[in-house]
Amino acid sequence: MKGKATPGKQTLKGKGKGVKKLGKKNQIKLVLDCTHPVEDGIMNCADFEKYLQERVKVGGKTNNFGNDVLLKRDKTKINVTSNVPFSKRYLKYLTKKYLKKNNLRDWLRVVASAKDAYELRYFQINNDESDNEDEDNA
């Protein structure tokens, strides 16, 4: 056996000593583009930014941004800059959760427009087929 563990003191798996920081060059920059729904007036970008500020977890805690994570809004885009590991998928998860909460999930979807960017798009609904069926039945 390598190294004796003191009785009663077990290290928990996944419980490290905080979050490992990335260097200045390894910063993670993510962009969330809300242009379409904001222009149509069905979504408020400031409200969405506030939602993200409240919900994003850093090191397992909400409201724990510190100097590691920066959330900034530029008109209809939300920029997330992180010095600690931050998942792009987590941003998508929170966005979908926000859309569901505001009953926008039926009309909007979150699509990766670039390697480091997400975009809110409308579902493409084709009414051509249903129109043709109506004409046949008449």
N, C-alpha and C. Protein backbone atom coordinates (compact mmCIF):
# COMPACT_ATOMS: atom_id res chain seq x y z
N MET A 1 0.83 -1.20 0.00
CA MET A 1 0.00 0.00 0.00
C MET A 1 0.86 1.25 0.00
N LYS A 2 0.49 2.18 -0.83
CA LYS A 2 1.20 3.45 -0.88
C LYS A 2 0.55 4.43 0.10
N GLY A 3 1.30 5.14 0.86
CA GLY A 3 0.84 6.22 1.74
C GLY A 3 -0.33 5.83 2.62
N LYS A 4 -0.18 6.02 3.90
CA LYS A 4 -1.25 5.67 4.83
C LYS A 4 -2.25 6.81 4.94
N ALA A 5 -3.51 6.48 4.81
CA ALA A 5 -4.56 7.47 5.02
C ALA A 5 -4.94 7.45 6.49
N THR A 6 -5.05 8.61 7.08
CA THR A 6 -5.42 8.67 8.49
C THR A 6 -6.88 8.26 8.64
N PRO A 7 -7.19 7.49 9.66
CA PRO A 7 -8.57 7.04 9.83
C PRO A 7 -9.52 8.23 10.02
N GLY A 8 -10.69 8.12 9.40
CA GLY A 8 -11.68 9.17 9.53
C GLY A 8 -11.49 10.32 8.57
N LYS A 9 -10.39 10.36 7.85
CA LYS A 9 -10.13 11.44 6.91
C LYS A 9 -10.04 10.88 5.50
N GLN A 10 -11.17 10.80 4.83
CA GLN A 10 -11.17 10.33 3.46
C GLN A 10 -11.36 11.52 2.53
N THR A 11 -10.64 11.51 1.45
CA THR A 11 -10.83 12.58 0.47
C THR A 11 -11.97 12.19 -0.45
N LEU A 12 -12.86 13.12 -0.67
CA LEU A 12 -14.00 12.87 -1.53
C LEU A 12 -13.60 13.01 -2.98
N LYS A 13 -14.11 12.12 -3.81
CA LYS A 13 -13.84 12.18 -5.23
C LYS A 13 -14.51 13.42 -5.82
N GLY A 14 -13.78 14.17 -6.61
CA GLY A 14 -14.37 15.35 -7.24
C GLY A 14 -14.29 16.59 -6.37
N LYS A 15 -13.92 16.43 -5.12
CA LYS A 15 -13.79 17.59 -4.23
C LYS A 15 -12.34 18.01 -4.21
N GLY A 16 -11.96 18.88 -5.12
CA GLY A 16 -10.58 19.35 -5.19
C GLY A 16 -10.40 20.59 -4.34
N LYS A 17 -9.28 21.20 -4.51
CA LYS A 17 -9.02 22.44 -3.77
C LYS A 17 -9.38 23.63 -4.66
N GLY A 18 -10.67 23.89 -4.81
CA GLY A 18 -11.12 25.01 -5.63
C GLY A 18 -11.11 24.67 -7.10
N VAL A 19 -11.06 25.70 -7.91
CA VAL A 19 -11.10 25.55 -9.35
C VAL A 19 -9.76 25.95 -9.93
N LYS A 20 -9.24 25.14 -10.85
CA LYS A 20 -7.95 25.45 -11.47
C LYS A 20 -8.12 26.63 -12.42
N LYS A 21 -7.21 27.58 -12.32
CA LYS A 21 -7.29 28.76 -13.18
C LYS A 21 -6.54 28.52 -14.48
N LEU A 22 -7.03 29.16 -15.52
CA LEU A 22 -6.38 29.11 -16.81
C LEU A 22 -5.52 30.37 -16.95
N GLY A 23 -4.53 30.31 -17.80
CA GLY A 23 -3.68 31.47 -18.01
C GLY A 23 -4.41 32.54 -18.81
N LYS A 24 -3.81 33.71 -18.94
CA LYS A 24 -4.41 34.81 -19.69
C LYS A 24 -4.66 34.40 -21.15
N LYS A 25 -3.72 33.64 -21.71
CA LYS A 25 -3.86 33.22 -23.10
C LYS A 25 -4.94 32.17 -23.27
N ASN A 26 -5.22 31.40 -22.23
CA ASN A 26 -6.19 30.32 -22.32
C ASN A 26 -7.58 30.73 -21.87
N GLN A 27 -7.86 32.03 -21.87
CA GLN A 27 -9.18 32.51 -21.48
C GLN A 27 -10.25 31.92 -22.39
N ILE A 28 -11.39 31.62 -21.80
CA ILE A 28 -12.51 31.11 -22.58
C ILE A 28 -13.46 32.27 -22.85
N LYS A 29 -13.73 32.52 -24.13
CA LYS A 29 -14.65 33.59 -24.50
C LYS A 29 -15.81 32.98 -25.27
N LEU A 30 -17.01 33.16 -24.75
CA LEU A 30 -18.21 32.64 -25.40
C LEU A 30 -19.18 33.78 -25.68
N VAL A 31 -19.91 33.67 -26.78
CA VAL A 31 -20.87 34.70 -27.17
C VAL A 31 -22.24 34.07 -27.35
N LEU A 32 -23.26 34.74 -26.83
CA LEU A 32 -24.64 34.29 -27.01
C LEU A 32 -25.39 35.39 -27.74
N ASP A 33 -25.82 35.12 -28.96
CA ASP A 33 -26.46 36.13 -29.81
C ASP A 33 -27.98 36.02 -29.72
N CYS A 34 -28.61 37.05 -29.19
CA CYS A 34 -30.08 37.06 -29.01
C CYS A 34 -30.75 38.04 -29.96
N THR A 35 -30.12 38.36 -31.07
CA THR A 35 -30.58 39.42 -31.96
C THR A 35 -32.02 39.23 -32.46
N HIS A 36 -32.34 38.06 -33.02
CA HIS A 36 -33.66 37.85 -33.63
C HIS A 36 -34.82 38.03 -32.64
N PRO A 37 -34.84 37.32 -31.50
CA PRO A 37 -35.97 37.48 -30.59
C PRO A 37 -36.05 38.88 -29.95
N VAL A 38 -34.92 39.54 -29.74
CA VAL A 38 -34.94 40.87 -29.13
C VAL A 38 -35.50 41.89 -30.11
N GLU A 39 -35.11 41.77 -31.40
CA GLU A 39 -35.63 42.69 -32.42
C GLU A 39 -37.13 42.54 -32.58
N ASP A 40 -37.64 41.31 -32.44
CA ASP A 40 -39.07 41.06 -32.57
C ASP A 40 -39.84 41.40 -31.29
N GLY A 41 -39.11 41.68 -30.22
CA GLY A 41 -39.74 42.11 -28.98
C GLY A 41 -40.33 40.98 -28.13
N ILE A 42 -39.94 39.73 -28.38
CA ILE A 42 -40.48 38.63 -27.57
C ILE A 42 -39.56 38.27 -26.41
N MET A 43 -38.36 38.88 -26.39
CA MET A 43 -37.40 38.57 -25.33
C MET A 43 -36.64 39.82 -24.92
N ASN A 44 -36.31 39.91 -23.63
CA ASN A 44 -35.55 41.05 -23.12
C ASN A 44 -34.14 40.57 -22.78
N CYS A 45 -33.15 41.16 -23.44
CA CYS A 45 -31.76 40.72 -23.27
C CYS A 45 -31.23 41.05 -21.86
N ALA A 46 -31.67 42.17 -21.30
CA ALA A 46 -31.23 42.57 -19.96
C ALA A 46 -31.75 41.59 -18.92
N ASP A 47 -32.98 41.13 -19.12
CA ASP A 47 -33.59 40.15 -18.21
C ASP A 47 -32.83 38.82 -18.28
N PHE A 48 -32.44 38.44 -19.48
CA PHE A 48 -31.70 37.19 -19.68
C PHE A 48 -30.32 37.28 -19.03
N GLU A 49 -29.68 38.45 -19.15
CA GLU A 49 -28.38 38.65 -18.53
C GLU A 49 -28.49 38.52 -17.00
N LYS A 50 -29.54 39.11 -16.44
CA LYS A 50 -29.77 39.04 -14.99
C LYS A 50 -29.97 37.58 -14.57
N TYR A 51 -30.74 36.84 -15.38
CA TYR A 51 -30.99 35.42 -15.11
C TYR A 51 -29.68 34.64 -15.06
N LEU A 52 -28.80 34.90 -16.04
CA LEU A 52 -27.51 34.21 -16.07
C LEU A 52 -26.65 34.59 -14.87
N GLN A 53 -26.66 35.87 -14.50
CA GLN A 53 -25.88 36.33 -13.34
C GLN A 53 -26.29 35.56 -12.08
N GLU A 54 -27.59 35.30 -11.94
CA GLU A 54 -28.09 34.62 -10.75
C GLU A 54 -27.82 33.12 -10.78
N ARG A 55 -27.81 32.52 -11.97
CA ARG A 55 -27.79 31.06 -12.07
C ARG A 55 -26.44 30.42 -12.34
N VAL A 56 -25.51 31.14 -12.96
CA VAL A 56 -24.23 30.54 -13.34
C VAL A 56 -23.46 30.15 -12.08
N LYS A 57 -22.98 28.91 -12.07
CA LYS A 57 -22.20 28.41 -10.94
C LYS A 57 -20.72 28.39 -11.30
N VAL A 58 -19.89 28.88 -10.38
CA VAL A 58 -18.44 28.81 -10.53
C VAL A 58 -17.93 28.12 -9.27
N GLY A 59 -17.26 27.01 -9.45
CA GLY A 59 -16.78 26.25 -8.30
C GLY A 59 -17.91 25.68 -7.46
N GLY A 60 -19.05 25.38 -8.10
CA GLY A 60 -20.18 24.76 -7.40
C GLY A 60 -21.05 25.74 -6.63
N LYS A 61 -20.82 27.03 -6.78
CA LYS A 61 -21.61 28.02 -6.06
C LYS A 61 -22.13 29.09 -7.01
N THR A 62 -23.39 29.50 -6.80
CA THR A 62 -23.93 30.60 -7.60
C THR A 62 -23.41 31.92 -7.03
N ASN A 63 -23.48 32.98 -7.83
CA ASN A 63 -22.98 34.31 -7.44
C ASN A 63 -21.54 34.25 -6.96
N ASN A 64 -20.71 33.43 -7.62
CA ASN A 64 -19.32 33.25 -7.22
C ASN A 64 -18.39 33.65 -8.37
N PHE A 65 -18.76 34.72 -9.09
CA PHE A 65 -17.97 35.13 -10.26
C PHE A 65 -16.57 35.57 -9.88
N GLY A 66 -16.47 36.44 -8.90
CA GLY A 66 -15.16 36.98 -8.53
C GLY A 66 -14.52 37.65 -9.73
N ASN A 67 -13.23 37.44 -9.90
CA ASN A 67 -12.52 37.99 -11.06
C ASN A 67 -12.34 36.93 -12.14
N ASP A 68 -12.88 35.74 -11.89
CA ASP A 68 -12.66 34.61 -12.81
C ASP A 68 -13.62 34.61 -13.99
N VAL A 69 -14.88 34.96 -13.77
CA VAL A 69 -15.88 34.92 -14.84
C VAL A 69 -16.48 36.31 -15.00
N LEU A 70 -16.57 36.76 -16.24
CA LEU A 70 -17.13 38.07 -16.54
C LEU A 70 -18.29 37.91 -17.51
N LEU A 71 -19.45 38.46 -17.15
CA LEU A 71 -20.65 38.38 -17.99
C LEU A 71 -20.99 39.80 -18.42
N LYS A 72 -20.97 40.05 -19.73
CA LYS A 72 -21.19 41.41 -20.23
C LYS A 72 -22.17 41.39 -21.38
N ARG A 73 -23.04 42.41 -21.44
CA ARG A 73 -24.04 42.49 -22.50
C ARG A 73 -23.72 43.65 -23.42
N ASP A 74 -23.70 43.40 -24.73
CA ASP A 74 -23.54 44.44 -25.74
C ASP A 74 -24.78 44.45 -26.62
N LYS A 75 -25.70 45.33 -26.32
CA LYS A 75 -27.00 45.44 -27.02
C LYS A 75 -27.73 44.10 -27.03
N THR A 76 -27.56 43.29 -28.08
CA THR A 76 -28.31 42.03 -28.15
C THR A 76 -27.41 40.79 -28.03
N LYS A 77 -26.15 41.01 -27.63
CA LYS A 77 -25.23 39.87 -27.46
C LYS A 77 -24.75 39.82 -26.02
N ILE A 78 -24.58 38.61 -25.51
CA ILE A 78 -24.06 38.42 -24.17
C ILE A 78 -22.71 37.73 -24.29
N ASN A 79 -21.68 38.35 -23.71
CA ASN A 79 -20.32 37.81 -23.77
C ASN A 79 -19.94 37.24 -22.42
N VAL A 80 -19.42 36.02 -22.42
CA VAL A 80 -18.93 35.38 -21.21
C VAL A 80 -17.44 35.18 -21.37
N THR A 81 -16.66 35.74 -20.46
CA THR A 81 -15.21 35.57 -20.47
C THR A 81 -14.82 34.89 -19.17
N SER A 82 -14.07 33.80 -19.27
CA SER A 82 -13.74 33.02 -18.08
C SER A 82 -12.26 32.68 -18.01
N ASN A 83 -11.69 32.80 -16.81
CA ASN A 83 -10.30 32.41 -16.57
C ASN A 83 -10.24 31.00 -15.99
N VAL A 84 -11.40 30.44 -15.65
CA VAL A 84 -11.49 29.08 -15.13
C VAL A 84 -12.22 28.23 -16.16
N PRO A 85 -12.06 26.91 -16.11
CA PRO A 85 -12.78 26.08 -17.08
C PRO A 85 -14.28 26.34 -17.05
N PHE A 86 -14.85 26.64 -18.21
CA PHE A 86 -16.27 26.98 -18.31
C PHE A 86 -16.83 26.29 -19.54
N SER A 87 -17.85 25.49 -19.36
CA SER A 87 -18.39 24.68 -20.44
C SER A 87 -19.35 25.49 -21.32
N LYS A 88 -19.16 25.37 -22.62
CA LYS A 88 -20.06 26.01 -23.57
C LYS A 88 -21.44 25.35 -23.47
N ARG A 89 -21.44 24.06 -23.23
CA ARG A 89 -22.67 23.28 -23.09
C ARG A 89 -23.49 23.77 -21.90
N TYR A 90 -22.81 24.19 -20.82
CA TYR A 90 -23.48 24.70 -19.63
C TYR A 90 -24.23 25.98 -19.95
N LEU A 91 -23.65 26.81 -20.81
CA LEU A 91 -24.30 28.04 -21.23
C LEU A 91 -25.56 27.72 -22.04
N LYS A 92 -25.47 26.70 -22.88
CA LYS A 92 -26.63 26.28 -23.67
C LYS A 92 -27.72 25.75 -22.75
N TYR A 93 -27.33 24.97 -21.75
CA TYR A 93 -28.27 24.41 -20.78
C TYR A 93 -29.04 25.52 -20.06
N LEU A 94 -28.32 26.54 -19.60
CA LEU A 94 -28.96 27.65 -18.89
C LEU A 94 -29.86 28.47 -19.81
N THR A 95 -29.45 28.61 -21.08
CA THR A 95 -30.25 29.34 -22.05
C THR A 95 -31.56 28.62 -22.30
N LYS A 96 -31.49 27.30 -22.47
CA LYS A 96 -32.70 26.51 -22.72
C LYS A 96 -33.63 26.56 -21.51
N LYS A 97 -33.04 26.58 -20.33
CA LYS A 97 -33.81 26.66 -19.08
C LYS A 97 -34.55 28.01 -19.01
N TYR A 98 -33.87 29.07 -19.42
CA TYR A 98 -34.48 30.40 -19.44
C TYR A 98 -35.64 30.45 -20.44
N LEU A 99 -35.42 29.88 -21.62
CA LEU A 99 -36.46 29.88 -22.65
C LEU A 99 -37.68 29.11 -22.18
N LYS A 100 -37.47 27.99 -21.51
CA LYS A 100 -38.57 27.18 -20.99
C LYS A 100 -39.36 27.95 -19.94
N LYS A 101 -38.63 28.65 -19.07
CA LYS A 101 -39.25 29.42 -17.99
C LYS A 101 -40.15 30.52 -18.55
N ASN A 102 -39.74 31.12 -19.66
CA ASN A 102 -40.49 32.21 -20.27
C ASN A 102 -41.39 31.75 -21.43
N ASN A 103 -41.62 30.45 -21.52
CA ASN A 103 -42.48 29.86 -22.55
C ASN A 103 -42.08 30.26 -23.97
N LEU A 104 -40.78 30.32 -24.21
CA LEU A 104 -40.26 30.64 -25.54
C LEU A 104 -39.65 29.42 -26.22
N ARG A 105 -39.60 28.32 -25.51
CA ARG A 105 -38.94 27.11 -25.99
C ARG A 105 -39.64 26.53 -27.21
N ASP A 106 -40.93 26.81 -27.40
CA ASP A 106 -41.67 26.30 -28.55
C ASP A 106 -41.32 27.03 -29.84
N TRP A 107 -40.77 28.25 -29.72
CA TRP A 107 -40.47 29.05 -30.90
C TRP A 107 -38.98 29.23 -31.16
N LEU A 108 -38.19 29.17 -30.10
CA LEU A 108 -36.76 29.43 -30.25
C LEU A 108 -35.92 28.21 -29.97
N ARG A 109 -34.77 28.13 -30.63
CA ARG A 109 -33.81 27.08 -30.33
C ARG A 109 -32.41 27.67 -30.24
N VAL A 110 -31.54 26.99 -29.54
CA VAL A 110 -30.18 27.46 -29.34
C VAL A 110 -29.27 26.70 -30.30
N VAL A 111 -28.64 27.43 -31.21
CA VAL A 111 -27.82 26.82 -32.26
C VAL A 111 -26.40 27.36 -32.19
N ALA A 112 -25.42 26.47 -32.33
CA ALA A 112 -24.02 26.90 -32.35
C ALA A 112 -23.74 27.53 -33.71
N SER A 113 -23.46 28.84 -33.72
CA SER A 113 -23.19 29.53 -34.98
C SER A 113 -21.70 29.55 -35.28
N ALA A 114 -20.87 29.35 -34.26
CA ALA A 114 -19.42 29.28 -34.42
C ALA A 114 -18.87 28.41 -33.30
N LYS A 115 -17.55 28.21 -33.31
CA LYS A 115 -16.93 27.36 -32.31
C LYS A 115 -17.13 27.90 -30.89
N ASP A 116 -17.18 29.21 -30.78
CA ASP A 116 -17.31 29.82 -29.45
C ASP A 116 -18.55 30.69 -29.33
N ALA A 117 -19.60 30.38 -30.13
CA ALA A 117 -20.79 31.22 -30.11
C ALA A 117 -22.08 30.42 -30.28
N TYR A 118 -23.11 30.89 -29.60
CA TYR A 118 -24.46 30.35 -29.74
C TYR A 118 -25.36 31.44 -30.28
N GLU A 119 -26.42 31.02 -30.96
CA GLU A 119 -27.37 31.97 -31.52
C GLU A 119 -28.78 31.45 -31.25
N LEU A 120 -29.69 32.36 -30.93
CA LEU A 120 -31.08 31.99 -30.75
C LEU A 120 -31.79 32.15 -32.08
N ARG A 121 -32.33 31.04 -32.59
CA ARG A 121 -33.01 31.06 -33.89
C ARG A 121 -34.43 30.57 -33.73
N TYR A 122 -35.26 30.96 -34.68
CA TYR A 122 -36.63 30.46 -34.71
C TYR A 122 -36.65 29.09 -35.37
N PHE A 123 -37.60 28.24 -34.96
CA PHE A 123 -37.79 26.97 -35.64
C PHE A 123 -38.33 27.26 -37.03
N GLN A 124 -37.85 26.53 -38.03
CA GLN A 124 -38.36 26.68 -39.39
C GLN A 124 -39.60 25.82 -39.54
N ILE A 125 -40.75 26.48 -39.69
CA ILE A 125 -42.00 25.74 -39.81
C ILE A 125 -42.46 25.82 -41.26
N ASN A 126 -42.59 24.65 -41.87
CA ASN A 126 -43.03 24.61 -43.27
C ASN A 126 -44.52 24.31 -43.33
N ASN A 127 -45.28 25.27 -43.83
CA ASN A 127 -46.73 25.09 -43.95
C ASN A 127 -47.13 24.65 -45.34
N ASP A 128 -46.14 24.41 -46.21
CA ASP A 128 -46.43 24.03 -47.60
C ASP A 128 -47.18 22.71 -47.67
N GLU A 129 -46.73 21.73 -46.87
CA GLU A 129 -47.34 20.40 -46.92
C GLU A 129 -48.79 20.44 -46.44
N SER A 130 -49.06 21.15 -45.38
CA SER A 130 -50.42 21.19 -44.83
C SER A 130 -51.35 21.96 -45.78
N ASP A 131 -50.82 22.97 -46.49
CA ASP A 131 -51.63 23.70 -47.45
C ASP A 131 -52.05 22.78 -48.60
N ASN A 132 -51.13 21.95 -49.09
CA ASN A 132 -51.40 21.03 -50.18
C ASN A 132 -52.46 20.00 -49.80
N GLU A 133 -52.39 19.52 -48.54
CA GLU A 133 -53.37 18.53 -48.07
C GLU A 133 -54.75 19.12 -48.01
N ASP A 134 -54.87 20.39 -47.62
CA ASP A 134 -56.17 21.06 -47.54
C ASP A 134 -56.80 21.19 -48.92
N GLU A 135 -55.96 21.48 -49.93
CA GLU A 135 -56.47 21.64 -51.30
C GLU A 135 -56.96 20.30 -51.84
N ASP A 136 -56.28 19.19 -51.49
CA ASP A 136 -56.68 17.88 -51.99
C ASP A 136 -58.03 17.46 -51.43
N ASN A 137 -58.28 17.78 -50.17
CA ASN A 137 -59.52 17.37 -49.51
C ASN A 137 -60.72 18.20 -49.98
N ALA A 138 -60.50 19.37 -50.53
CA ALA A 138 -61.61 20.26 -50.92
C ALA A 138 -62.26 19.83 -52.21
